[in-house]
N, C-alpha and C. Protein backbone atom coordinates (compact mmCIF):
# COMPACT_ATOMS: atom_id res chain seq x y z
N MET A 1 -18.11 -22.44 -7.44
CA MET A 1 -17.14 -22.46 -6.49
C MET A 1 -17.64 -21.64 -5.20
N ALA A 2 -17.67 -22.34 -4.10
CA ALA A 2 -18.11 -21.70 -2.97
C ALA A 2 -17.09 -20.79 -2.13
N VAL A 3 -17.60 -19.57 -1.80
CA VAL A 3 -16.66 -18.82 -1.26
C VAL A 3 -16.85 -18.85 0.39
N GLN A 4 -15.91 -19.07 1.11
CA GLN A 4 -16.05 -19.28 2.50
C GLN A 4 -15.27 -18.01 3.31
N ARG A 5 -15.87 -17.68 4.32
CA ARG A 5 -15.16 -16.51 5.23
C ARG A 5 -14.48 -17.15 6.14
N ILE A 6 -13.33 -16.34 6.79
CA ILE A 6 -12.47 -16.75 7.85
C ILE A 6 -12.39 -15.50 8.62
N THR A 7 -12.22 -15.69 9.91
CA THR A 7 -12.11 -14.74 10.80
C THR A 7 -10.55 -14.27 10.95
N LYS A 8 -10.20 -13.23 11.32
CA LYS A 8 -8.93 -12.72 11.48
C LYS A 8 -8.02 -13.68 12.55
N GLU A 9 -8.84 -14.01 13.38
CA GLU A 9 -8.23 -14.90 14.58
C GLU A 9 -7.73 -16.36 13.77
N ARG A 10 -8.78 -16.81 13.02
CA ARG A 10 -8.37 -18.15 12.35
C ARG A 10 -7.21 -18.01 11.43
N LEU A 11 -7.32 -16.92 10.73
CA LEU A 11 -6.19 -16.67 9.82
C LEU A 11 -4.83 -16.66 10.54
N LYS A 12 -4.84 -15.96 11.71
CA LYS A 12 -3.59 -15.79 12.49
C LYS A 12 -3.07 -17.07 13.06
N GLU A 13 -4.10 -17.85 13.43
CA GLU A 13 -3.83 -19.27 13.85
C GLU A 13 -2.92 -19.98 12.67
N GLN A 14 -3.66 -20.03 11.39
CA GLN A 14 -3.08 -20.83 10.22
C GLN A 14 -1.66 -20.17 10.04
N LEU A 15 -1.54 -19.02 10.04
CA LEU A 15 -0.13 -18.57 9.76
C LEU A 15 0.85 -18.78 10.84
N GLU A 16 0.46 -18.75 12.05
CA GLU A 16 1.30 -19.19 13.10
C GLU A 16 1.75 -20.67 13.03
N LYS A 17 0.89 -21.49 12.57
CA LYS A 17 1.11 -22.87 12.53
C LYS A 17 1.93 -23.09 11.20
N GLY A 18 2.06 -22.17 10.41
CA GLY A 18 2.94 -22.34 9.14
C GLY A 18 1.98 -23.00 7.95
N GLU A 19 0.78 -23.03 8.23
CA GLU A 19 -0.17 -23.58 7.10
C GLU A 19 0.11 -22.54 5.80
N MET A 20 0.24 -23.30 4.79
CA MET A 20 0.44 -22.62 3.43
C MET A 20 -0.89 -22.01 2.87
N VAL A 21 -1.02 -20.98 2.66
CA VAL A 21 -2.07 -20.09 1.97
C VAL A 21 -1.56 -19.10 1.14
N VAL A 22 -2.35 -18.63 0.41
CA VAL A 22 -2.10 -17.50 -0.63
C VAL A 22 -2.75 -16.24 -0.11
N LEU A 23 -2.09 -15.23 0.35
CA LEU A 23 -2.83 -14.12 0.80
C LEU A 23 -2.88 -12.98 -0.19
N LEU A 24 -4.10 -12.58 -0.62
CA LEU A 24 -3.98 -11.54 -1.64
C LEU A 24 -4.77 -10.41 -0.94
N ASP A 25 -3.89 -9.14 -1.06
CA ASP A 25 -4.42 -7.75 -0.56
C ASP A 25 -4.96 -7.09 -1.81
N VAL A 26 -6.25 -6.97 -1.74
CA VAL A 26 -6.95 -6.65 -2.88
C VAL A 26 -7.64 -5.12 -2.72
N ARG A 27 -6.82 -4.41 -1.75
CA ARG A 27 -7.24 -2.84 -1.57
C ARG A 27 -7.00 -2.15 -2.79
N SER A 28 -7.70 -1.02 -2.93
CA SER A 28 -7.54 -0.26 -4.07
C SER A 28 -6.06 0.23 -3.95
N HIS A 29 -5.47 0.86 -5.10
CA HIS A 29 -4.06 1.23 -5.13
C HIS A 29 -3.95 2.39 -3.93
N ASP A 30 -4.84 3.36 -3.98
CA ASP A 30 -4.69 4.51 -3.18
C ASP A 30 -4.78 4.07 -1.71
N SER A 31 -5.67 3.14 -1.40
CA SER A 31 -5.80 2.59 0.02
C SER A 31 -4.63 1.89 0.44
N TYR A 32 -3.99 0.93 -0.42
CA TYR A 32 -2.82 0.23 -0.18
C TYR A 32 -1.69 1.12 0.14
N ASN A 33 -1.59 2.19 -0.74
CA ASN A 33 -0.35 3.03 -0.55
C ASN A 33 -0.34 3.88 0.64
N SER A 34 -1.59 4.13 1.03
CA SER A 34 -1.67 5.14 2.23
C SER A 34 -1.60 4.47 3.48
N SER A 35 -1.63 3.07 3.37
CA SER A 35 -1.88 2.22 4.76
C SER A 35 -0.41 1.88 5.16
N ASN A 36 -0.09 1.82 6.55
CA ASN A 36 1.18 1.37 6.82
C ASN A 36 0.98 -0.15 7.56
N ILE A 37 -0.24 -0.64 7.25
CA ILE A 37 -0.58 -1.88 7.67
C ILE A 37 -0.77 -2.97 6.64
N LYS A 38 0.14 -3.85 6.58
CA LYS A 38 0.25 -4.86 5.50
C LYS A 38 0.74 -6.26 6.24
N ILE A 39 0.05 -7.39 5.70
CA ILE A 39 0.35 -8.62 6.10
C ILE A 39 1.60 -9.22 5.49
N LYS A 40 2.60 -9.57 6.19
CA LYS A 40 3.84 -10.12 5.83
C LYS A 40 3.43 -11.25 4.70
N GLY A 41 3.96 -11.17 3.69
CA GLY A 41 3.97 -12.51 2.69
C GLY A 41 2.76 -12.28 1.79
N SER A 42 1.86 -11.26 1.93
CA SER A 42 0.87 -11.19 1.14
C SER A 42 1.27 -10.56 -0.18
N LEU A 43 0.39 -10.83 -1.25
CA LEU A 43 0.62 -10.23 -2.54
C LEU A 43 -0.53 -9.25 -2.79
N ARG A 44 -0.13 -8.09 -3.31
CA ARG A 44 -0.93 -7.07 -3.69
C ARG A 44 -1.40 -7.17 -5.07
N LYS A 45 -2.80 -7.32 -5.39
CA LYS A 45 -3.31 -7.42 -6.53
C LYS A 45 -4.38 -6.51 -6.81
N ASP A 46 -4.49 -6.00 -7.99
CA ASP A 46 -5.60 -4.82 -8.31
C ASP A 46 -6.91 -5.71 -8.28
N PRO A 47 -7.93 -5.33 -7.65
CA PRO A 47 -9.22 -6.11 -7.61
C PRO A 47 -9.90 -5.76 -8.90
N LEU A 48 -9.59 -4.86 -9.64
CA LEU A 48 -10.32 -4.65 -11.03
C LEU A 48 -9.60 -5.55 -12.12
N ALA A 49 -8.46 -6.07 -11.94
CA ALA A 49 -7.74 -6.81 -12.88
C ALA A 49 -7.66 -8.41 -12.75
N VAL A 50 -8.64 -8.97 -12.07
CA VAL A 50 -8.48 -10.48 -11.76
C VAL A 50 -8.24 -11.35 -12.85
N LYS A 51 -8.80 -10.99 -14.13
CA LYS A 51 -8.56 -11.83 -15.25
C LYS A 51 -7.03 -11.83 -15.69
N ARG A 52 -6.46 -10.69 -15.40
CA ARG A 52 -5.09 -10.50 -15.75
C ARG A 52 -4.14 -11.24 -14.83
N TRP A 53 -4.41 -11.36 -13.56
CA TRP A 53 -3.53 -11.88 -12.55
C TRP A 53 -3.83 -13.31 -11.98
N ASP A 54 -5.13 -13.77 -12.31
CA ASP A 54 -5.64 -15.00 -11.87
C ASP A 54 -4.58 -16.23 -12.36
N LYS A 55 -4.03 -16.35 -13.39
CA LYS A 55 -3.15 -17.46 -13.69
C LYS A 55 -1.92 -17.29 -12.98
N GLU A 56 -1.55 -16.13 -12.53
CA GLU A 56 -0.17 -15.92 -11.95
C GLU A 56 -0.09 -16.60 -10.50
N ILE A 57 -1.20 -16.68 -9.84
CA ILE A 57 -1.19 -16.99 -8.53
C ILE A 57 -1.46 -18.54 -8.38
N PRO A 58 -0.84 -19.14 -7.36
CA PRO A 58 -0.96 -20.72 -7.11
C PRO A 58 -2.39 -21.08 -6.70
N HIS A 59 -2.98 -22.09 -7.33
CA HIS A 59 -4.23 -22.57 -7.00
C HIS A 59 -4.25 -23.96 -6.26
N ASP A 60 -3.05 -24.28 -5.69
CA ASP A 60 -2.90 -25.62 -4.97
C ASP A 60 -2.99 -25.32 -3.51
N LYS A 61 -3.26 -24.04 -3.05
CA LYS A 61 -3.39 -23.77 -1.67
C LYS A 61 -4.53 -22.96 -1.48
N PRO A 62 -5.17 -22.72 -0.32
CA PRO A 62 -6.44 -21.87 -0.09
C PRO A 62 -5.87 -20.58 -0.53
N ILE A 63 -6.69 -19.76 -1.13
CA ILE A 63 -6.64 -18.42 -1.49
C ILE A 63 -7.37 -17.37 -0.57
N ILE A 64 -6.77 -16.54 0.23
CA ILE A 64 -7.45 -15.71 1.04
C ILE A 64 -7.27 -14.31 0.65
N THR A 65 -8.37 -13.55 0.28
CA THR A 65 -8.26 -12.24 -0.03
C THR A 65 -8.71 -11.26 1.09
N TYR A 66 -8.24 -10.09 1.16
CA TYR A 66 -8.72 -9.13 2.06
C TYR A 66 -8.63 -7.73 1.42
N CYS A 67 -9.48 -6.87 1.99
CA CYS A 67 -9.35 -5.55 1.61
C CYS A 67 -9.32 -4.43 2.80
N THR A 68 -9.32 -4.82 4.06
CA THR A 68 -9.21 -3.81 4.96
C THR A 68 -7.98 -3.91 5.88
């Protein structure tokens, strides 16, 4: 499976157009909790537990992960 990169500008365009994507915030627990910046509609997932949550997320849309 190929992993593609997307710019924040392109993601913003997609979200503004209403394009359906799955946004995964994979920051560490401490980083996530200490931040007041979160993308509305994103799902927080532990990056060390992918095998545990992989089957919980939809795979019929592009999946975009971010950690900053």
